[in-house]
Amino acid sequence: MTFGWKHKKSLGPYVELSGNYAYYWSYISHFFHVPFYVYAYAFGNCLVNSLYMRFQEAPNGFQDKYISMLSAGGTLHHKDLLKPFNLDATESNFWDQGLNLVSTMIDELEDLS
């Protein structure tokens, strides 16, 4: 199989991938210049899941804390941003909560089968 066959399959006949598509990966500079960049995706995904779990547990006042967190932008360390939610990314339960949400979603999907 050639490089990009999954993309071709997902895009169907509507997008033509030229032979040069095989070199497309080399165009994505963060593959080379930002080691472990995918960690940010995993952290962000788990963060959102853990925040959602907190929202489900205690929705009252969550919105104000969330807006305050977003308003801080990049001015605070994640540890400080998460304090109002009683979350700490250095603790295993932070990661457990995020992963448990994914596990719950998988179980729900399997139940639909």
PDB file of N, CA and C in Angstrom:
ATOM      1  N   MET A   1       0.839  -1.186   0.000  1.00  0.00           N
ATOM      2  CA  MET A   1       0.000   0.000   0.000  1.00  0.00           C
ATOM      3  C   MET A   1       0.880   1.244   0.000  1.00  0.00           C
ATOM      4  N   THR A   2       0.397   2.255  -0.600  1.00  0.00           N
ATOM      5  CA  THR A   2       1.158   3.488  -0.694  1.00  0.00           C
ATOM      6  C   THR A   2       0.809   4.429   0.449  1.00  0.00           C
ATOM      7  N   PHE A   3       1.701   5.378   0.684  1.00  0.00           N
ATOM      8  CA  PHE A   3       1.465   6.381   1.715  1.00  0.00           C
ATOM      9  C   PHE A   3       0.190   7.158   1.395  1.00  0.00           C
ATOM     10  N   GLY A   4      -0.612   7.381   2.395  1.00  0.00           N
ATOM     11  CA  GLY A   4      -1.817   8.171   2.201  1.00  0.00           C
ATOM     12  C   GLY A   4      -3.044   7.370   1.800  1.00  0.00           C
ATOM     13  N   TRP A   5      -2.944   6.044   1.763  1.00  0.00           N
ATOM     14  CA  TRP A   5      -4.102   5.250   1.339  1.00  0.00           C
ATOM     15  C   TRP A   5      -5.287   5.452   2.271  1.00  0.00           C
ATOM     16  N   LYS A   6      -5.015   5.665   3.577  1.00  0.00           N
ATOM     17  CA  LYS A   6      -6.128   5.909   4.510  1.00  0.00           C
ATOM     18  C   LYS A   6      -6.803   7.237   4.189  1.00  0.00           C
ATOM     19  N   HIS A   7      -6.005   8.236   3.850  1.00  0.00           N
ATOM     20  CA  HIS A   7      -6.589   9.527   3.480  1.00  0.00           C
ATOM     21  C   HIS A   7      -7.419   9.383   2.215  1.00  0.00           C
ATOM     22  N   LYS A   8      -6.870   8.682   1.264  1.00  0.00           N
ATOM     23  CA  LYS A   8      -7.590   8.490  -0.001  1.00  0.00           C
ATOM     24  C   LYS A   8      -8.909   7.764   0.243  1.00  0.00           C
ATOM     25  N   LYS A   9      -8.865   6.757   1.093  1.00  0.00           N
ATOM     26  CA  LYS A   9     -10.074   5.995   1.398  1.00  0.00           C
ATOM     27  C   LYS A   9     -11.112   6.877   2.100  1.00  0.00           C
ATOM     28  N   SER A  10     -10.660   7.711   3.051  1.00  0.00           N
ATOM     29  CA  SER A  10     -11.607   8.545   3.795  1.00  0.00           C
ATOM     30  C   SER A  10     -12.165   9.694   2.955  1.00  0.00           C
ATOM     31  N   LEU A  11     -11.390  10.174   1.994  1.00  0.00           N
ATOM     32  CA  LEU A  11     -11.838  11.286   1.160  1.00  0.00           C
ATOM     33  C   LEU A  11     -12.676  10.821  -0.026  1.00  0.00           C
ATOM     34  N   GLY A  12     -12.523   9.560  -0.369  1.00  0.00           N
ATOM     35  CA  GLY A  12     -13.295   9.015  -1.480  1.00  0.00           C
ATOM     36  C   GLY A  12     -12.844   9.574  -2.821  1.00  0.00           C
ATOM     37  N   PRO A  13     -13.714   9.497  -3.825  1.00  0.00           N
ATOM     38  CA  PRO A  13     -13.338   9.901  -5.177  1.00  0.00           C
ATOM     39  C   PRO A  13     -13.343  11.422  -5.371  1.00  0.00           C
ATOM     40  N   TYR A  14     -13.650  12.179  -4.333  1.00  0.00           N
ATOM     41  CA  TYR A  14     -13.827  13.630  -4.473  1.00  0.00           C
ATOM     42  C   TYR A  14     -12.518  14.407  -4.431  1.00  0.00           C
ATOM     43  N   VAL A  15     -11.468  13.783  -3.900  1.00  0.00           N
ATOM     44  CA  VAL A  15     -10.171  14.455  -3.811  1.00  0.00           C
ATOM     45  C   VAL A  15      -9.130  13.547  -4.447  1.00  0.00           C
ATOM     46  N   GLU A  16      -8.379  14.107  -5.363  1.00  0.00           N
ATOM     47  CA  GLU A  16      -7.335  13.333  -6.019  1.00  0.00           C
ATOM     48  C   GLU A  16      -6.006  13.624  -5.333  1.00  0.00           C
ATOM     49  N   LEU A  17      -5.349  12.577  -4.851  1.00  0.00           N
ATOM     50  CA  LEU A  17      -4.038  12.723  -4.222  1.00  0.00           C
ATOM     51  C   LEU A  17      -2.978  12.407  -5.269  1.00  0.00           C
ATOM     52  N   SER A  18      -2.128  13.372  -5.531  1.00  0.00           N
ATOM     53  CA  SER A  18      -1.096  13.170  -6.547  1.00  0.00           C
ATOM     54  C   SER A  18       0.021  12.288  -5.983  1.00  0.00           C
ATOM     55  N   GLY A  19       0.922  11.898  -6.827  1.00  0.00           N
ATOM     56  CA  GLY A  19       2.064  11.086  -6.414  1.00  0.00           C
ATOM     57  C   GLY A  19       2.936  11.791  -5.396  1.00  0.00           C
ATOM     58  N   ASN A  20       2.959  13.123  -5.454  1.00  0.00           N
ATOM     59  CA  ASN A  20       3.763  13.880  -4.502  1.00  0.00           C
ATOM     60  C   ASN A  20       3.189  13.843  -3.083  1.00  0.00           C
ATOM     61  N   TYR A  21       1.975  13.368  -2.951  1.00  0.00           N
ATOM     62  CA  TYR A  21       1.381  13.287  -1.616  1.00  0.00           C
ATOM     63  C   TYR A  21       2.197  12.385  -0.694  1.00  0.00           C
ATOM     64  N   ALA A  22       2.940  11.482  -1.268  1.00  0.00           N
ATOM     65  CA  ALA A  22       3.786  10.591  -0.482  1.00  0.00           C
ATOM     66  C   ALA A  22       4.805  11.358   0.357  1.00  0.00           C
ATOM     67  N   TYR A  23       5.098  12.597  -0.036  1.00  0.00           N
ATOM     68  CA  TYR A  23       6.080  13.406   0.688  1.00  0.00           C
ATOM     69  C   TYR A  23       5.431  14.461   1.577  1.00  0.00           C
ATOM     70  N   TYR A  24       4.117  14.424   1.666  1.00  0.00           N
ATOM     71  CA  TYR A  24       3.384  15.443   2.425  1.00  0.00           C
ATOM     72  C   TYR A  24       3.815  15.502   3.882  1.00  0.00           C
ATOM     73  N   TRP A  25       4.103  14.364   4.478  1.00  0.00           N
ATOM     74  CA  TRP A  25       4.491  14.333   5.884  1.00  0.00           C
ATOM     75  C   TRP A  25       5.698  15.238   6.144  1.00  0.00           C
ATOM     76  N   SER A  26       6.597  15.385   5.173  1.00  0.00           N
ATOM     77  CA  SER A  26       7.798  16.185   5.379  1.00  0.00           C
ATOM     78  C   SER A  26       7.498  17.690   5.419  1.00  0.00           C
ATOM     79  N   TYR A  27       6.299  18.072   5.003  1.00  0.00           N
ATOM     80  CA  TYR A  27       5.882  19.474   5.016  1.00  0.00           C
ATOM     81  C   TYR A  27       5.460  19.924   6.419  1.00  0.00           C
ATOM     82  N   ILE A  28       5.137  18.982   7.272  1.00  0.00           N
ATOM     83  CA  ILE A  28       4.616  19.289   8.605  1.00  0.00           C
ATOM     84  C   ILE A  28       5.808  19.470   9.540  1.00  0.00           C
ATOM     85  N   SER A  29       6.187  20.717   9.732  1.00  0.00           N
ATOM     86  CA  SER A  29       7.439  21.026  10.442  1.00  0.00           C
ATOM     87  C   SER A  29       7.454  20.560  11.883  1.00  0.00           C
ATOM     88  N   HIS A  30       6.307  20.535  12.555  1.00  0.00           N
ATOM     89  CA  HIS A  30       6.359  20.150  13.961  1.00  0.00           C
ATOM     90  C   HIS A  30       6.686  18.669  14.144  1.00  0.00           C
ATOM     91  N   PHE A  31       6.658  17.882  13.095  1.00  0.00           N
ATOM     92  CA  PHE A  31       7.131  16.506  13.200  1.00  0.00           C
ATOM     93  C   PHE A  31       8.621  16.500  13.553  1.00  0.00           C
ATOM     94  N   PHE A  32       9.342  17.536  13.130  1.00  0.00           N
ATOM     95  CA  PHE A  32      10.787  17.585  13.313  1.00  0.00           C
ATOM     96  C   PHE A  32      11.234  18.560  14.398  1.00  0.00           C
ATOM     97  N   HIS A  33      10.537  19.677  14.528  1.00  0.00           N
ATOM     98  CA  HIS A  33      11.018  20.771  15.364  1.00  0.00           C
ATOM     99  C   HIS A  33      10.391  20.847  16.746  1.00  0.00           C
ATOM    100  N   VAL A  34       9.383  20.045  17.021  1.00  0.00           N
ATOM    101  CA  VAL A  34       8.718  20.091  18.320  1.00  0.00           C
ATOM    102  C   VAL A  34       8.602  18.659  18.851  1.00  0.00           C
ATOM    103  N   PRO A  35       9.659  18.178  19.485  1.00  0.00           N
ATOM    104  CA  PRO A  35       9.602  16.813  19.995  1.00  0.00           C
ATOM    105  C   PRO A  35       8.441  16.628  20.978  1.00  0.00           C
ATOM    106  N   PHE A  36       7.791  15.527  20.893  1.00  0.00           N
ATOM    107  CA  PHE A  36       6.696  15.149  21.792  1.00  0.00           C
ATOM    108  C   PHE A  36       5.515  16.108  21.727  1.00  0.00           C
ATOM    109  N   TYR A  37       5.304  16.753  20.587  1.00  0.00           N
ATOM    110  CA  TYR A  37       4.204  17.712  20.465  1.00  0.00           C
ATOM    111  C   TYR A  37       2.849  17.059  20.691  1.00  0.00           C
ATOM    112  N   VAL A  38       2.727  15.775  20.412  1.00  0.00           N
ATOM    113  CA  VAL A  38       1.432  15.122  20.584  1.00  0.00           C
ATOM    114  C   VAL A  38       1.030  15.026  22.049  1.00  0.00           C
ATOM    115  N   TYR A  39       1.978  15.204  22.962  1.00  0.00           N
ATOM    116  CA  TYR A  39       1.644  15.205  24.383  1.00  0.00           C
ATOM    117  C   TYR A  39       0.614  16.287  24.673  1.00  0.00           C
ATOM    118  N   ALA A  40       0.736  17.423  24.004  1.00  0.00           N
ATOM    119  CA  ALA A  40      -0.218  18.518  24.222  1.00  0.00           C
ATOM    120  C   ALA A  40      -1.631  18.093  23.850  1.00  0.00           C
ATOM    121  N   TYR A  41      -1.775  17.284  22.805  1.00  0.00           N
ATOM    122  CA  TYR A  41      -3.106  16.797  22.431  1.00  0.00           C
ATOM    123  C   TYR A  41      -3.659  15.872  23.505  1.00  0.00           C
ATOM    124  N   ALA A  42      -2.835  14.951  23.980  1.00  0.00           N
ATOM    125  CA  ALA A  42      -3.277  14.006  25.006  1.00  0.00           C
ATOM    126  C   ALA A  42      -3.635  14.744  26.293  1.00  0.00           C
ATOM    127  N   PHE A  43      -2.807  15.706  26.676  1.00  0.00           N
ATOM    128  CA  PHE A  43      -3.083  16.474  27.891  1.00  0.00           C
ATOM    129  C   PHE A  43      -4.378  17.270  27.735  1.00  0.00           C
ATOM    130  N   GLY A  44      -4.528  17.949  26.614  1.00  0.00           N
ATOM    131  CA  GLY A  44      -5.723  18.760  26.388  1.00  0.00           C
ATOM    132  C   GLY A  44      -6.986  17.925  26.372  1.00  0.00           C
ATOM    133  N   ASN A  45      -6.925  16.765  25.753  1.00  0.00           N
ATOM    134  CA  ASN A  45      -8.076  15.886  25.694  1.00  0.00           C
ATOM    135  C   ASN A  45      -8.449  15.398  27.089  1.00  0.00           C
ATOM    136  N   CYS A  46      -7.464  14.983  27.851  1.00  0.00           N
ATOM    137  CA  CYS A  46      -7.722  14.501  29.205  1.00  0.00           C
ATOM    138  C   CYS A  46      -8.211  15.644  30.098  1.00  0.00           C
ATOM    139  N   LEU A  47      -7.671  16.826  29.901  1.00  0.00           N
ATOM    140  CA  LEU A  47      -8.102  17.996  30.664  1.00  0.00           C
ATOM    141  C   LEU A  47      -9.585  18.275  30.426  1.00  0.00           C
ATOM    142  N   VAL A  48      -9.992  18.301  29.176  1.00  0.00           N
ATOM    143  CA  VAL A  48     -11.396  18.560  28.847  1.00  0.00           C
ATOM    144  C   VAL A  48     -12.289  17.472  29.441  1.00  0.00           C
ATOM    145  N   ASN A  49     -11.857  16.219  29.328  1.00  0.00           N
ATOM    146  CA  ASN A  49     -12.649  15.125  29.880  1.00  0.00           C
ATOM    147  C   ASN A  49     -12.774  15.232  31.400  1.00  0.00           C
ATOM    148  N   SER A  50     -11.685  15.569  32.068  1.00  0.00           N
ATOM    149  CA  SER A  50     -11.713  15.702  33.526  1.00  0.00           C
ATOM    150  C   SER A  50     -12.578  16.884  33.950  1.00  0.00           C
ATOM    151  N   LEU A  51     -12.498  17.969  33.213  1.00  0.00           N
ATOM    152  CA  LEU A  51     -13.355  19.122  33.505  1.00  0.00           C
ATOM    153  C   LEU A  51     -14.829  18.759  33.301  1.00  0.00           C
ATOM    154  N   TYR A  52     -15.108  18.014  32.253  1.00  0.00           N
ATOM    155  CA  TYR A  52     -16.490  17.603  32.005  1.00  0.00           C
ATOM    156  C   TYR A  52     -17.012  16.718  33.136  1.00  0.00           C
ATOM    157  N   MET A  53     -16.151  15.836  33.627  1.00  0.00           N
ATOM    158  CA  MET A  53     -16.553  14.990  34.754  1.00  0.00           C
ATOM    159  C   MET A  53     -16.860  15.851  35.984  1.00  0.00           C
ATOM    160  N   ARG A  54     -16.045  16.893  36.215  1.00  0.00           N
ATOM    161  CA  ARG A  54     -16.301  17.804  37.336  1.00  0.00           C
ATOM    162  C   ARG A  54     -17.632  18.531  37.139  1.00  0.00           C
ATOM    163  N   PHE A  55     -17.898  18.930  35.910  1.00  0.00           N
ATOM    164  CA  PHE A  55     -19.159  19.598  35.612  1.00  0.00           C
ATOM    165  C   PHE A  55     -20.343  18.682  35.920  1.00  0.00           C
ATOM    166  N   GLN A  56     -20.227  17.425  35.529  1.00  0.00           N
ATOM    167  CA  GLN A  56     -21.310  16.482  35.793  1.00  0.00           C
ATOM    168  C   GLN A  56     -21.523  16.277  37.299  1.00  0.00           C
ATOM    169  N   GLU A  57     -20.433  16.276  38.056  1.00  0.00           N
ATOM    170  CA  GLU A  57     -20.517  16.081  39.503  1.00  0.00           C
ATOM    171  C   GLU A  57     -21.115  17.292  40.208  1.00  0.00           C
ATOM    172  N   ALA A  58     -20.722  18.495  39.760  1.00  0.00           N
ATOM    173  CA  ALA A  58     -21.154  19.723  40.441  1.00  0.00           C
ATOM    174  C   ALA A  58     -21.319  20.847  39.426  1.00  0.00           C
ATOM    175  N   PRO A  59     -22.480  20.906  38.769  1.00  0.00           N
ATOM    176  CA  PRO A  59     -22.671  21.924  37.730  1.00  0.00           C
ATOM    177  C   PRO A  59     -22.811  23.350  38.277  1.00  0.00           C
ATOM    178  N   ASN A  60     -23.274  23.499  39.509  1.00  0.00           N
ATOM    179  CA  ASN A  60     -23.454  24.846  40.076  1.00  0.00           C
ATOM    180  C   ASN A  60     -22.113  25.546  40.250  1.00  0.00           C
ATOM    181  N   GLY A  61     -21.989  26.710  39.655  1.00  0.00           N
ATOM    182  CA  GLY A  61     -20.769  27.510  39.756  1.00  0.00           C
ATOM    183  C   GLY A  61     -19.676  27.118  38.776  1.00  0.00           C
ATOM    184  N   PHE A  62     -19.877  26.019  38.073  1.00  0.00           N
ATOM    185  CA  PHE A  62     -18.849  25.546  37.144  1.00  0.00           C
ATOM    186  C   PHE A  62     -18.593  26.571  36.042  1.00  0.00           C
ATOM    187  N   GLN A  63     -19.659  27.136  35.513  1.00  0.00           N
ATOM    188  CA  GLN A  63     -19.525  28.058  34.375  1.00  0.00           C
ATOM    189  C   GLN A  63     -18.637  29.248  34.729  1.00  0.00           C
ATOM    190  N   ASP A  64     -18.822  29.827  35.895  1.00  0.00           N
ATOM    191  CA  ASP A  64     -18.003  30.976  36.292  1.00  0.00           C
ATOM    192  C   ASP A  64     -16.530  30.597  36.422  1.00  0.00           C
ATOM    193  N   LYS A  65     -16.266  29.443  37.026  1.00  0.00           N
ATOM    194  CA  LYS A  65     -14.876  28.983  37.156  1.00  0.00           C
ATOM    195  C   LYS A  65     -14.265  28.713  35.785  1.00  0.00           C
ATOM    196  N   TYR A  66     -15.066  28.141  34.892  1.00  0.00           N
ATOM    197  CA  TYR A  66     -14.574  27.801  33.555  1.00  0.00           C
ATOM    198  C   TYR A  66     -14.246  29.067  32.764  1.00  0.00           C
ATOM    199  N   ILE A  67     -15.143  30.041  32.812  1.00  0.00           N
ATOM    200  CA  ILE A  67     -14.903  31.298  32.098  1.00  0.00           C
ATOM    201  C   ILE A  67     -13.681  32.003  32.677  1.00  0.00           C
ATOM    202  N   SER A  68     -13.520  31.953  33.978  1.00  0.00           N
ATOM    203  CA  SER A  68     -12.348  32.546  34.619  1.00  0.00           C
ATOM    204  C   SER A  68     -11.067  31.852  34.145  1.00  0.00           C
ATOM    205  N   MET A  69     -11.120  30.542  34.045  1.00  0.00           N
ATOM    206  CA  MET A  69      -9.959  29.789  33.567  1.00  0.00           C
ATOM    207  C   MET A  69      -9.616  30.196  32.139  1.00  0.00           C
ATOM    208  N   LEU A  70     -10.626  30.267  31.271  1.00  0.00           N
ATOM    209  CA  LEU A  70     -10.383  30.647  29.880  1.00  0.00           C
ATOM    210  C   LEU A  70      -9.887  32.086  29.772  1.00  0.00           C
ATOM    211  N   SER A  71     -10.401  32.958  30.618  1.00  0.00           N
ATOM    212  CA  SER A  71     -10.001  34.370  30.600  1.00  0.00           C
ATOM    213  C   SER A  71      -8.534  34.549  30.961  1.00  0.00           C
ATOM    214  N   ALA A  72      -7.994  33.635  31.752  1.00  0.00           N
ATOM    215  CA  ALA A  72      -6.588  33.733  32.149  1.00  0.00           C
ATOM    216  C   ALA A  72      -5.661  33.496  30.965  1.00  0.00           C
ATOM    217  N   GLY A  73      -6.177  32.846  29.924  1.00  0.00           N
ATOM    218  CA  GLY A  73      -5.343  32.585  28.745  1.00  0.00           C
ATOM    219  C   GLY A  73      -4.110  31.804  29.128  1.00  0.00           C
ATOM    220  N   GLY A  74      -2.982  32.224  28.626  1.00  0.00           N
ATOM    221  CA  GLY A  74      -1.718  31.548  28.918  1.00  0.00           C
ATOM    222  C   GLY A  74      -0.946  32.199  30.056  1.00  0.00           C
ATOM    223  N   THR A  75      -1.632  32.966  30.906  1.00  0.00           N
ATOM    224  CA  THR A  75      -0.930  33.705  31.958  1.00  0.00           C
ATOM    225  C   THR A  75      -0.661  32.876  33.206  1.00  0.00           C
ATOM    226  N   LEU A  76      -1.330  31.736  33.354  1.00  0.00           N
ATOM    227  CA  LEU A  76      -1.155  30.915  34.546  1.00  0.00           C
ATOM    228  C   LEU A  76      -0.723  29.501  34.177  1.00  0.00           C
ATOM    229  N   HIS A  77      -0.026  28.885  35.088  1.00  0.00           N
ATOM    230  CA  HIS A  77       0.361  27.482  34.941  1.00  0.00           C
ATOM    231  C   HIS A  77      -0.894  26.621  35.078  1.00  0.00           C
ATOM    232  N   HIS A  78      -0.908  25.489  34.402  1.00  0.00           N
ATOM    233  CA  HIS A  78      -2.109  24.644  34.446  1.00  0.00           C
ATOM    234  C   HIS A  78      -2.481  24.230  35.867  1.00  0.00           C
ATOM    235  N   LYS A  79      -1.494  24.117  36.722  1.00  0.00           N
ATOM    236  CA  LYS A  79      -1.774  23.745  38.116  1.00  0.00           C
ATOM    237  C   LYS A  79      -2.658  24.799  38.786  1.00  0.00           C
ATOM    238  N   ASP A  80      -2.361  26.071  38.511  1.00  0.00           N
ATOM    239  CA  ASP A  80      -3.160  27.163  39.078  1.00  0.00           C
ATOM    240  C   ASP A  80      -4.533  27.261  38.414  1.00  0.00           C
ATOM    241  N   LEU A  81      -4.583  26.991  37.122  1.00  0.00           N
ATOM    242  CA  LEU A  81      -5.855  27.048  36.409  1.00  0.00           C
ATOM    243  C   LEU A  81      -6.833  25.977  36.888  1.00  0.00           C
ATOM    244  N   LEU A  82      -6.300  24.851  37.304  1.00  0.00           N
ATOM    245  CA  LEU A  82      -7.146  23.723  37.686  1.00  0.00           C
ATOM    246  C   LEU A  82      -7.540  23.704  39.160  1.00  0.00           C
ATOM    247  N   LYS A  83      -6.877  24.536  39.989  1.00  0.00           N
ATOM    248  CA  LYS A  83      -7.181  24.550  41.427  1.00  0.00           C
ATOM    249  C   LYS A  83      -8.660  24.771  41.735  1.00  0.00           C
ATOM    250  N   PRO A  84      -9.334  25.728  41.102  1.00  0.00           N
ATOM    251  CA  PRO A  84     -10.752  25.940  41.432  1.00  0.00           C
ATOM    252  C   PRO A  84     -11.632  24.711  41.161  1.00  0.00           C
ATOM    253  N   PHE A  85     -11.151  23.807  40.335  1.00  0.00           N
ATOM    254  CA  PHE A  85     -11.914  22.601  40.001  1.00  0.00           C
ATOM    255  C   PHE A  85     -11.484  21.397  40.841  1.00  0.00           C
ATOM    256  N   ASN A  86     -10.533  21.643  41.749  1.00  0.00           N
ATOM    257  CA  ASN A  86      -9.956  20.561  42.557  1.00  0.00           C
ATOM    258  C   ASN A  86      -9.358  19.465  41.674  1.00  0.00           C
ATOM    259  N   LEU A  87      -8.681  19.891  40.636  1.00  0.00           N
ATOM    260  CA  LEU A  87      -7.983  18.980  39.742  1.00  0.00           C
ATOM    261  C   LEU A  87      -6.494  19.274  39.794  1.00  0.00           C
ATOM    262  N   ASP A  88      -5.699  18.228  39.695  1.00  0.00           N
ATOM    263  CA  ASP A  88      -4.249  18.367  39.696  1.00  0.00           C
ATOM    264  C   ASP A  88      -3.684  17.360  38.699  1.00  0.00           C
ATOM    265  N   ALA A  89      -3.096  17.863  37.644  1.00  0.00           N
ATOM    266  CA  ALA A  89      -2.597  16.999  36.575  1.00  0.00           C
ATOM    267  C   ALA A  89      -1.414  16.136  37.007  1.00  0.00           C
ATOM    268  N   THR A  90      -0.854  16.415  38.188  1.00  0.00           N
ATOM    269  CA  THR A  90       0.242  15.575  38.674  1.00  0.00           C
ATOM    270  C   THR A  90      -0.281  14.375  39.464  1.00  0.00           C
ATOM    271  N   GLU A  91      -1.572  14.329  39.679  1.00  0.00           N
ATOM    272  CA  GLU A  91      -2.191  13.216  40.410  1.00  0.00           C
ATOM    273  C   GLU A  91      -2.806  12.219  39.431  1.00  0.00           C
ATOM    274  N   SER A  92      -2.733  10.957  39.765  1.00  0.00           N
ATOM    275  CA  SER A  92      -3.236   9.924  38.853  1.00  0.00           C
ATOM    276  C   SER A  92      -4.746  10.010  38.664  1.00  0.00           C
ATOM    277  N   ASN A  93      -5.477  10.494  39.667  1.00  0.00           N
ATOM    278  CA  ASN A  93      -6.936  10.548  39.506  1.00  0.00           C
ATOM    279  C   ASN A  93      -7.358  11.549  38.429  1.00  0.00           C
ATOM    280  N   PHE A  94      -6.521  12.546  38.156  1.00  0.00           N
ATOM    281  CA  PHE A  94      -6.797  13.466  37.046  1.00  0.00           C
ATOM    282  C   PHE A  94      -6.872  12.690  35.743  1.00  0.00           C
ATOM    283  N   TRP A  95      -5.877  11.862  35.506  1.00  0.00           N
ATOM    284  CA  TRP A  95      -5.809  11.073  34.286  1.00  0.00           C
ATOM    285  C   TRP A  95      -6.884   9.986  34.287  1.00  0.00           C
ATOM    286  N   ASP A  96      -7.120   9.404  35.449  1.00  0.00           N
ATOM    287  CA  ASP A  96      -8.147   8.362  35.546  1.00  0.00           C
ATOM    288  C   ASP A  96      -9.520   8.899  35.158  1.00  0.00           C
ATOM    289  N   GLN A  97      -9.845  10.093  35.631  1.00  0.00           N
ATOM    290  CA  GLN A  97     -11.152  10.676  35.309  1.00  0.00           C
ATOM    291  C   GLN A  97     -11.319  10.871  33.810  1.00  0.00           C
ATOM    292  N   GLY A  98     -10.301  11.425  33.197  1.00  0.00           N
ATOM    293  CA  GLY A  98     -10.372  11.660  31.758  1.00  0.00           C
ATOM    294  C   GLY A  98     -10.496  10.373  30.971  1.00  0.00           C
ATOM    295  N   LEU A  99      -9.728   9.370  31.373  1.00  0.00           N
ATOM    296  CA  LEU A  99      -9.776   8.089  30.667  1.00  0.00           C
ATOM    297  C   LEU A  99     -11.067   7.329  30.976  1.00  0.00           C
ATOM    298  N   ASN A 100     -11.601   7.476  32.173  1.00  0.00           N
ATOM    299  CA  ASN A 100     -12.863   6.823  32.512  1.00  0.00           C
ATOM    300  C   ASN A 100     -14.003   7.343  31.646  1.00  0.00           C
ATOM    301  N   LEU A 101     -13.970   8.621  31.333  1.00  0.00           N
ATOM    302  CA  LEU A 101     -15.001   9.171  30.449  1.00  0.00           C
ATOM    303  C   LEU A 101     -14.936   8.506  29.080  1.00  0.00           C
ATOM    304  N   VAL A 102     -13.734   8.345  28.557  1.00  0.00           N
ATOM    305  CA  VAL A 102     -13.568   7.679  27.259  1.00  0.00           C
ATOM    306  C   VAL A 102     -14.053   6.235  27.357  1.00  0.00           C
ATOM    307  N   SER A 103     -13.708   5.560  28.430  1.00  0.00           N
ATOM    308  CA  SER A 103     -14.144   4.183  28.630  1.00  0.00           C
ATOM    309  C   SER A 103     -15.668   4.089  28.681  1.00  0.00           C
ATOM    310  N   THR A 104     -16.292   5.041  29.358  1.00  0.00           N
ATOM    311  CA  THR A 104     -17.753   5.073  29.433  1.00  0.00           C
ATOM    312  C   THR A 104     -18.361   5.256  28.046  1.00  0.00           C
ATOM    313  N   MET A 105     -17.775   6.133  27.255  1.00  0.00           N
ATOM    314  CA  MET A 105     -18.283   6.350  25.897  1.00  0.00           C
ATOM    315  C   MET A 105     -18.149   5.089  25.043  1.00  0.00           C
ATOM    316  N   ILE A 106     -17.050   4.379  25.197  1.00  0.00           N
ATOM    317  CA  ILE A 106     -16.841   3.127  24.453  1.00  0.00           C
ATOM    318  C   ILE A 106     -17.897   2.103  24.868  1.00  0.00           C
ATOM    319  N   ASP A 107     -18.138   2.015  26.176  1.00  0.00           N
ATOM    320  CA  ASP A 107     -19.174   1.084  26.664  1.00  0.00           C
ATOM    321  C   ASP A 107     -20.542   1.432  26.070  1.00  0.00           C
ATOM    322  N   GLU A 108     -20.867   2.718  26.019  1.00  0.00           N
ATOM    323  CA  GLU A 108     -22.149   3.143  25.450  1.00  0.00           C
ATOM    324  C   GLU A 108     -22.250   2.764  23.979  1.00  0.00           C
ATOM    325  N   LEU A 109     -21.153   2.947  23.256  1.00  0.00           N
ATOM    326  CA  LEU A 109     -21.153   2.575  21.833  1.00  0.00           C
ATOM    327  C   LEU A 109     -21.337   1.076  21.655  1.00  0.00           C
ATOM    328  N   GLU A 110     -20.664   0.304  22.502  1.00  0.00           N
ATOM    329  CA  GLU A 110     -20.777  -1.142  22.402  1.00  0.00           C
ATOM    330  C   GLU A 110     -22.206  -1.597  22.728  1.00  0.00           C
ATOM    331  N   ASP A 111     -22.849  -0.907  23.649  1.00  0.00           N
ATOM    332  CA  ASP A 111     -24.236  -1.248  24.010  1.00  0.00           C
ATOM    333  C   ASP A 111     -25.198  -0.978  22.847  1.00  0.00           C
ATOM    334  N   LEU A 112     -24.843  -0.070  21.963  1.00  0.00           N
ATOM    335  CA  LEU A 112     -25.693   0.232  20.813  1.00  0.00           C
ATOM    336  C   LEU A 112     -25.643  -0.868  19.756  1.00  0.00           C
ATOM    337  N   SER A 113     -24.614  -1.681  19.825  1.00  0.00           N
ATOM    338  CA  SER A 113     -24.444  -2.751  18.812  1.00  0.00           C
ATOM    339  C   SER A 113     -25.458  -3.851  18.983  1.00  0.00           C
TER     340      SER A 113
END
